[in-house]
Amino acid sequence: MTDDDRVLMERDEETGVARITLNNPGRRNSYDPAMRRRLAACLDEAALDDAVKVVHLRGAEGVFSTGADMGNAYAWYGDGARAGKDGQGEDGAKKRRRPSQRRRLTVDRKTFGFYHDFMGYPKATVAEVRGYALGGGFELALMADIAVVARDARIGMPATRFLGPALGSLHLFFHRLGPVLARRLLLTGDVIPASAVEHLGVFTEVLDDDRVEARADWWARKVAKMPADGIVMAKEAFRLVEQMQAYQGEEVASYLFHAFGTNLQFEEDEFNFVKARAQHGTKRAFQLRDEHFEIPEP
């Protein structure tokens, strides 16, 4: 499957809705850097299309997205993340080492630019969330203007169990979820059903799974009835208000915290996902992660 096949876009000029589908169902619509670049390109294309008023974002085969693909945690930092000063070990093999902080900061700044652009996207956005919305997928769901979420959809930031709680757009979590829920999810890495936050009004609608697709389509068509320029002006006004009230400094703080937070030292009794993945493979590393963090409730 090519990168173009992993993110699909179709436009309905009659309604003014562009539908973008994350199409990587074999990996629960997680995305690697190339797939995220393709998603960004589709969003840019829709943003420049005057016929598009609303972007309807969804995932293939009943799953929204499990976020960044953690199959190779350092792959996001490129080949330079593995090479030492001379690129070789004593046996001539390529060294494996942590990415430098200068590389982390550069890559993370670009990475978080994608989410900042989506948060300030000039067209209205509707997220159709089913199955899973984890990590970056959870962030996209929270950033969408309208989010229609299945009650049994699993949401959360489990990657905090790899890298610690200073992960993702912290201002977003505290502003959208509230400080109590944000701390709970970030300090535990718990994955919870969307029904658990239904009463908090975190999402536009939380519904039974079989109703989500039709309702998301309805919301997209409903918002698209607004004047195109009115939507753009409203989005800029919304962005200004949120920046003044909640996101001051966020565009620097988010990638800065992430870059520093991904360079942790692990004690012997702490779970190190990168080490576990190298020793046991990705599937077993996820199993070991869940076993390590499982604490029976009293």
Protein backbone atom coordinates (compact mmCIF):
# COMPACT_ATOMS: atom_id res chain seq x y z
CA MET A 1 0.00 0.00 0.00
CA THR A 2 1.41 3.39 -1.01
CA ASP A 3 1.33 6.50 1.18
CA ASP A 4 -1.36 7.93 -1.10
CA ASP A 5 -3.50 4.84 -0.45
CA ARG A 6 -3.12 5.17 3.32
CA VAL A 7 -4.85 8.57 3.39
CA LEU A 8 -7.83 9.01 1.06
CA MET A 9 -9.67 12.21 0.25
CA GLU A 10 -12.91 12.76 -1.63
CA ARG A 11 -14.71 16.05 -2.14
CA ASP A 12 -18.41 16.70 -2.52
CA GLU A 13 -18.69 20.07 -4.23
CA GLU A 14 -22.45 20.04 -3.89
CA THR A 15 -22.30 20.00 -0.06
CA GLY A 16 -18.88 21.62 0.40
CA VAL A 17 -17.61 18.69 2.47
CA ALA A 18 -14.24 17.01 1.97
CA ARG A 19 -13.92 13.57 3.58
CA ILE A 20 -10.45 12.43 4.59
CA THR A 21 -10.07 8.79 5.59
CA LEU A 22 -7.11 7.32 7.49
CA ASN A 23 -6.73 4.05 5.64
CA ASN A 24 -4.24 1.90 7.52
CA PRO A 25 -6.64 -0.58 9.17
CA GLY A 26 -4.05 -3.33 9.52
CA ARG A 27 -2.36 -1.12 12.15
CA ARG A 28 -5.57 0.39 13.54
CA ASN A 29 -5.00 3.50 11.44
CA SER A 30 -1.83 4.45 13.27
CA TYR A 31 0.48 6.64 11.23
CA ASP A 32 4.20 6.90 10.59
CA PRO A 33 5.93 10.12 9.44
CA ALA A 34 5.18 9.51 5.75
CA MET A 35 1.50 8.87 6.39
CA ARG A 36 1.20 11.95 8.55
CA ARG A 37 2.84 14.03 5.82
CA ARG A 38 0.24 12.68 3.40
CA LEU A 39 -2.53 13.65 5.84
CA ALA A 40 -1.05 17.15 6.16
CA ALA A 41 -0.92 17.44 2.35
CA CYS A 42 -4.60 16.48 2.06
CA LEU A 43 -5.54 19.03 4.72
CA ASP A 44 -3.52 21.72 2.94
CA GLU A 45 -5.22 20.85 -0.36
CA ALA A 46 -8.66 21.13 1.21
CA ALA A 47 -7.73 24.39 2.93
CA LEU A 48 -6.87 25.97 -0.42
CA ASP A 49 -10.03 24.70 -2.13
CA ASP A 50 -12.70 27.43 -2.01
CA ALA A 51 -15.36 24.80 -2.64
CA VAL A 52 -14.57 23.08 0.66
CA LYS A 53 -16.17 24.43 3.83
CA VAL A 54 -15.87 21.41 6.13
CA VAL A 55 -13.37 18.57 6.50
CA HIS A 56 -14.84 15.32 7.78
CA LEU A 57 -12.01 13.20 9.26
CA ARG A 58 -12.53 9.49 9.87
CA GLY A 59 -10.75 6.15 9.98
CA ALA A 60 -11.24 3.05 7.86
CA GLU A 61 -13.01 -0.07 9.10
CA GLY A 62 -14.51 1.38 12.25
CA VAL A 63 -11.33 2.67 13.90
CA PHE A 64 -10.41 6.36 14.08
CA SER A 65 -6.69 6.21 14.90
CA THR A 66 -4.30 4.80 17.48
CA GLY A 67 -1.93 7.69 16.83
CA ALA A 68 1.77 7.49 16.07
CA ASP A 69 3.06 4.04 15.11
CA MET A 70 5.30 2.95 17.99
CA GLY A 71 6.68 -0.06 16.13
CA ASN A 72 9.98 1.81 16.02
CA ALA A 73 9.95 4.57 18.59
CA TYR A 74 13.10 6.24 17.26
CA ALA A 75 12.12 6.04 13.58
CA TRP A 76 10.44 9.43 13.97
CA TYR A 77 13.88 10.99 14.45
CA GLY A 78 15.34 9.56 11.22
CA ASP A 79 18.48 7.55 10.49
CA GLY A 80 20.67 10.05 12.28
CA ALA A 81 19.11 8.95 15.56
CA ARG A 82 21.05 5.69 15.34
CA ALA A 83 24.50 6.81 14.26
CA GLY A 84 27.29 7.62 16.68
CA LYS A 85 29.97 10.21 16.14
CA ASP A 86 31.66 8.11 13.49
CA GLY A 87 28.55 6.07 12.70
CA GLN A 88 30.31 2.79 13.54
CA GLY A 89 30.72 0.58 16.58
CA GLU A 90 33.83 -1.44 17.43
CA ASP A 91 32.56 -4.37 15.36
CA GLY A 92 31.86 -2.13 12.37
CA ALA A 93 28.10 -2.29 12.88
CA LYS A 94 26.02 0.84 12.91
CA LYS A 95 25.64 2.18 16.44
CA ARG A 96 22.23 2.44 18.10
CA ARG A 97 21.94 5.41 20.41
CA ARG A 98 19.37 7.86 21.58
CA PRO A 99 18.63 10.86 19.40
CA SER A 100 20.45 14.00 20.49
CA GLN A 101 18.45 16.76 22.11
CA ARG A 102 19.17 19.00 19.11
CA ARG A 103 17.61 16.37 16.83
CA ARG A 104 14.69 15.85 19.23
CA LEU A 105 13.94 19.56 19.38
CA THR A 106 14.12 20.00 15.62
CA VAL A 107 11.95 16.99 14.81
CA ASP A 108 9.48 17.56 17.65
CA ARG A 109 9.02 21.19 16.67
CA LYS A 110 8.08 20.08 13.16
CA THR A 111 5.90 17.27 14.52
CA PHE A 112 3.91 19.54 16.80
CA GLY A 113 3.57 22.01 13.94
CA PHE A 114 1.20 19.49 12.33
CA TYR A 115 -1.08 19.48 15.39
CA HIS A 116 -0.90 23.26 15.79
CA ASP A 117 -1.89 23.65 12.14
CA PHE A 118 -4.86 21.33 12.67
CA MET A 119 -5.91 23.22 15.80
CA GLY A 120 -5.89 26.47 13.83
CA TYR A 121 -7.23 24.93 10.62
CA PRO A 122 -9.19 27.50 8.54
CA LYS A 123 -12.07 25.18 7.61
CA ALA A 124 -14.51 23.59 10.04
CA THR A 125 -13.49 20.07 11.10
CA VAL A 126 -15.68 17.13 12.06
CA ALA A 127 -14.16 13.99 13.60
CA GLU A 128 -15.98 10.68 13.31
CA VAL A 129 -14.52 8.65 16.17
CA ARG A 130 -15.06 4.93 16.49
CA GLY A 131 -13.04 2.04 17.83
CA TYR A 132 -9.93 3.76 19.17
CA ALA A 133 -8.69 7.33 19.51
CA LEU A 134 -5.32 7.02 21.19
CA GLY A 135 -2.27 9.27 21.37
CA GLY A 136 -2.23 11.59 18.37
CA GLY A 137 -5.62 10.21 17.36
CA PHE A 138 -7.03 11.34 20.69
CA GLU A 139 -5.48 14.78 20.19
CA LEU A 140 -7.07 15.09 16.74
CA ALA A 141 -10.46 14.16 18.20
CA LEU A 142 -10.08 16.80 20.92
CA MET A 143 -8.94 19.44 18.40
CA ALA A 144 -11.82 18.93 15.99
CA ASP A 145 -14.55 21.57 15.99
CA ILE A 146 -17.22 18.87 16.08
CA ALA A 147 -16.44 15.41 17.45
CA VAL A 148 -18.99 12.59 17.19
CA VAL A 149 -17.74 9.69 19.30
CA ALA A 150 -18.94 6.16 19.88
CA ARG A 151 -19.68 5.32 23.51
CA ASP A 152 -17.51 2.23 23.32
CA ALA A 153 -14.60 4.01 21.59
CA ARG A 154 -11.42 3.70 23.64
CA ILE A 155 -9.65 7.00 24.30
CA GLY A 156 -6.46 7.98 26.09
CA MET A 157 -2.72 8.56 25.96
CA PRO A 158 -1.15 5.13 26.60
CA ALA A 159 2.20 6.35 25.26
CA THR A 160 2.73 8.12 28.59
CA ARG A 161 3.58 4.63 29.83
CA PHE A 162 6.56 4.68 27.48
CA LEU A 163 7.81 8.21 27.95
CA GLY A 164 6.17 9.71 31.03
CA PRO A 165 3.31 12.19 31.47
CA ALA A 166 4.96 15.18 29.72
CA LEU A 167 3.67 14.06 26.35
CA GLY A 168 1.49 15.68 23.72
CA SER A 169 -0.25 19.04 23.78
CA LEU A 170 -0.56 19.59 27.52
CA HIS A 171 -2.45 22.86 27.16
CA LEU A 172 -5.03 21.10 25.00
CA PHE A 173 -5.58 18.33 27.54
CA PHE A 174 -5.99 20.69 30.47
CA HIS A 175 -8.22 23.09 28.52
CA ARG A 176 -10.49 20.50 26.88
CA LEU A 177 -10.53 17.78 29.55
CA GLY A 178 -10.09 19.86 32.69
CA PRO A 179 -7.15 19.50 35.10
CA VAL A 180 -8.54 16.55 37.06
CA LEU A 181 -9.23 14.27 34.08
CA ALA A 182 -6.09 15.42 32.25
CA ARG A 183 -3.89 14.49 35.21
CA ARG A 184 -5.67 11.17 35.64
CA LEU A 185 -5.12 10.12 32.01
CA LEU A 186 -1.56 11.44 31.73
CA LEU A 187 -0.32 10.10 35.07
CA THR A 188 -1.72 6.61 34.52
CA GLY A 189 -1.77 6.07 30.77
CA ASP A 190 -5.24 4.60 31.25
CA VAL A 191 -7.39 3.93 28.20
CA ILE A 192 -11.05 4.50 28.99
CA PRO A 193 -14.35 4.26 27.09
CA ALA A 194 -15.74 7.54 25.80
CA SER A 195 -18.89 6.81 27.78
CA ALA A 196 -16.88 7.57 30.94
CA VAL A 197 -16.61 11.25 29.93
CA GLU A 198 -19.99 11.61 28.23
CA HIS A 199 -21.39 13.62 31.13
CA LEU A 200 -18.49 16.10 30.96
CA GLY A 201 -19.30 17.45 27.50
CA VAL A 202 -15.78 16.80 26.23
CA PHE A 203 -17.12 15.83 22.80
CA THR A 204 -20.01 17.24 20.76
CA GLU A 205 -21.93 13.96 20.88
CA VAL A 206 -21.28 10.54 22.40
CA LEU A 207 -23.54 7.95 20.80
CA ASP A 208 -23.96 4.27 20.16
CA ASP A 209 -21.48 3.09 17.56
CA ASP A 210 -24.09 2.34 14.88
CA ARG A 211 -25.22 5.99 14.87
CA VAL A 212 -21.83 7.71 14.70
CA GLU A 213 -21.22 7.59 10.95
CA ALA A 214 -24.61 9.07 10.02
CA ARG A 215 -24.45 11.75 12.72
CA ALA A 216 -20.95 12.84 11.75
CA ASP A 217 -22.09 13.15 8.14
CA TRP A 218 -25.13 15.17 9.31
CA TRP A 219 -22.99 17.55 11.35
CA ALA A 220 -20.60 18.06 8.43
CA ARG A 221 -23.43 18.91 6.04
CA LYS A 222 -25.13 21.11 8.66
CA VAL A 223 -22.02 23.22 9.31
CA ALA A 224 -21.37 23.44 5.56
CA LYS A 225 -24.61 25.44 5.23
CA MET A 226 -22.77 28.38 6.80
CA PRO A 227 -21.12 31.01 4.54
CA ALA A 228 -17.60 29.90 3.62
CA ASP A 229 -15.95 33.19 4.58
CA GLY A 230 -17.99 33.26 7.79
CA ILE A 231 -16.56 29.88 8.80
CA VAL A 232 -13.00 31.03 8.15
CA MET A 233 -13.47 34.25 10.13
CA ALA A 234 -15.11 32.34 12.97
CA LYS A 235 -12.25 29.84 13.09
CA GLU A 236 -9.71 32.65 13.39
CA ALA A 237 -11.80 34.28 16.13
CA PHE A 238 -12.06 30.97 18.00
CA ARG A 239 -8.29 30.52 17.69
CA LEU A 240 -7.59 34.00 19.03
CA VAL A 241 -9.85 33.49 22.05
CA GLU A 242 -8.31 30.12 22.88
CA GLN A 243 -4.78 31.44 22.45
CA MET A 244 -5.53 34.31 24.84
CA GLN A 245 -7.37 32.20 27.39
CA ALA A 246 -5.60 28.84 27.35
CA TYR A 247 -2.78 28.31 24.88
CA GLN A 248 -0.33 31.10 25.65
CA GLY A 249 3.14 29.73 24.96
CA GLU A 250 1.76 26.33 23.93
CA GLU A 251 3.42 26.30 20.52
CA VAL A 252 6.81 26.30 22.23
CA ALA A 253 5.99 24.43 25.42
CA SER A 254 4.46 21.37 23.75
CA TYR A 255 7.44 20.31 21.66
CA LEU A 256 9.94 21.48 24.29
CA PHE A 257 8.39 19.29 27.00
CA HIS A 258 8.10 16.38 24.58
CA ALA A 259 11.73 16.61 23.47
CA PHE A 260 13.00 16.68 27.04
CA GLY A 261 10.50 14.07 28.19
CA THR A 262 11.56 11.52 25.58
CA ASN A 263 15.11 11.41 26.94
CA LEU A 264 14.33 9.70 30.24
CA GLN A 265 16.63 7.54 32.31
CA PHE A 266 14.89 4.34 33.43
CA GLU A 267 15.57 2.58 36.72
CA GLU A 268 15.75 -1.21 36.84
CA ASP A 269 12.15 -1.57 38.08
CA GLU A 270 10.70 0.92 35.54
CA PHE A 271 9.26 -0.12 32.20
CA ASN A 272 11.40 0.86 29.20
CA PHE A 273 9.40 0.30 26.02
CA VAL A 274 12.28 0.89 23.61
CA LYS A 275 14.46 -1.65 25.41
CA ALA A 276 11.61 -4.16 25.71
CA ARG A 277 10.78 -3.81 22.03
CA ALA A 278 14.40 -4.40 21.02
CA GLN A 279 14.60 -7.50 23.21
CA HIS A 280 11.17 -9.07 22.67
CA GLY A 281 9.56 -7.44 19.63
CA THR A 282 6.75 -4.91 19.46
CA LYS A 283 3.81 -7.23 20.22
CA ARG A 284 5.43 -8.69 23.34
CA ALA A 285 6.61 -5.22 24.43
CA PHE A 286 3.00 -4.02 24.47
CA GLN A 287 2.02 -7.07 26.54
CA LEU A 288 4.83 -6.40 29.01
CA ARG A 289 3.78 -2.75 29.22
CA ASP A 290 0.23 -3.68 30.17
CA GLU A 291 1.43 -6.26 32.70
CA HIS A 292 3.76 -3.74 34.32
CA PHE A 293 1.07 -1.08 34.73
CA GLU A 294 -1.73 -3.40 35.82
CA ILE A 295 -2.57 -2.71 39.47
CA PRO A 296 -5.66 -4.55 40.78
CA GLU A 297 -8.20 -2.16 42.22
CA PRO A 298 -9.04 -2.62 45.93
